[in-house]
Amino acid sequence: MPARGKHRRHRTSTLTRGAVAAGTGGAALALPLVGATGAHATQPARAVQTAPAAPTAQAPQATVPQVSLVTYKVVQGDTLSRIAEARTPNGWRTLYKANRAVIGDDPALIRPGIELTVGTKTAGTAKTAGTADTSSTAAKRTGATTTSATAPAATAATAATAKTYADNLDGWIRQALDVMARQGIPGTYDGIHRNIIRESSGNPQALNDWDSNAAAGTPSKGLLQVIDPTFAAYHVPGTSSDPFDPVANIAAACNYAAARYGSIDNVFGAY
């Protein structure tokens, strides 16, 4: 029976780190030992959590204007110029082009009773789904401000209004040409100047008191010798209502010549 002594049995560890000697033919080879048990075992990898995707914003619905035509029935005594002046800002030539099929080849002759298309109007709006308002969205996102598409036109109109002209025959013709261009009335500087020299020698206060018009009580007036009924019928919006006003006189005479002859450039005598 073995004698009692103070020998203790060494406590074994749950995790053994170090090296043991392995016999390799008399030499000792150190081998690392890693043992893991219990609380020191490798923890399982945690699942990566991803944030939920932000909800996709629904594209706003665009609105489409509903447009209808505006018509006018011609009455006795009407002229295209008078109708255009009262009902459309685009001038009688635009009105004629839009209605040539019902008017015919001579814009100076319009028959009472025919219906002319003089414009359009917006009756309401209808929604169209699936169209994103990207411009307004971008403006809200960046803080930018949107500008009206009509801004360039407004700037041009302001510049035209601020333009100055000499108070002489050259300036009157040039100002009238700018007014005519905005109304779509044809004519050139040379055509206007040639007819003015023949009709009045450049005197805006010229008055014919001897021809048949004068005998009928409607004397010819101004640079291009226009009688009052013709001036009233072909008066161009934006000009003076005085037939002796040089710019108004030129514009009205050219408007009449365009309706009658195609252009003041085609006039080489009494008209």
Foldseek 3Di string as FASTA:
>chain_A
DDDDDPDDDDDDDQWDFFFDFDDDPPDTDTDTDTGDDDPRDDDDDDDDDDDDDDDDDFADWDKDFDKDWDKDFAAPPAALQVCCVVQHQQASVVQCVQCCVQQDDFRRDRDGGDMGGRGMDTPGIDTDGDDHPVVVVVCVVVVHDDDDPCVVVVVVVVVLVPDDFDPAPVRLLVNLVVLCVSNVQDEDSVLLVQQLCVQPNRQLADWDCDDPCNVVVFIFGGSNRHTLVQLVNQFRPPDDSDCSPSSRVSNSVQSVCCSVPVGSSRDDDDD
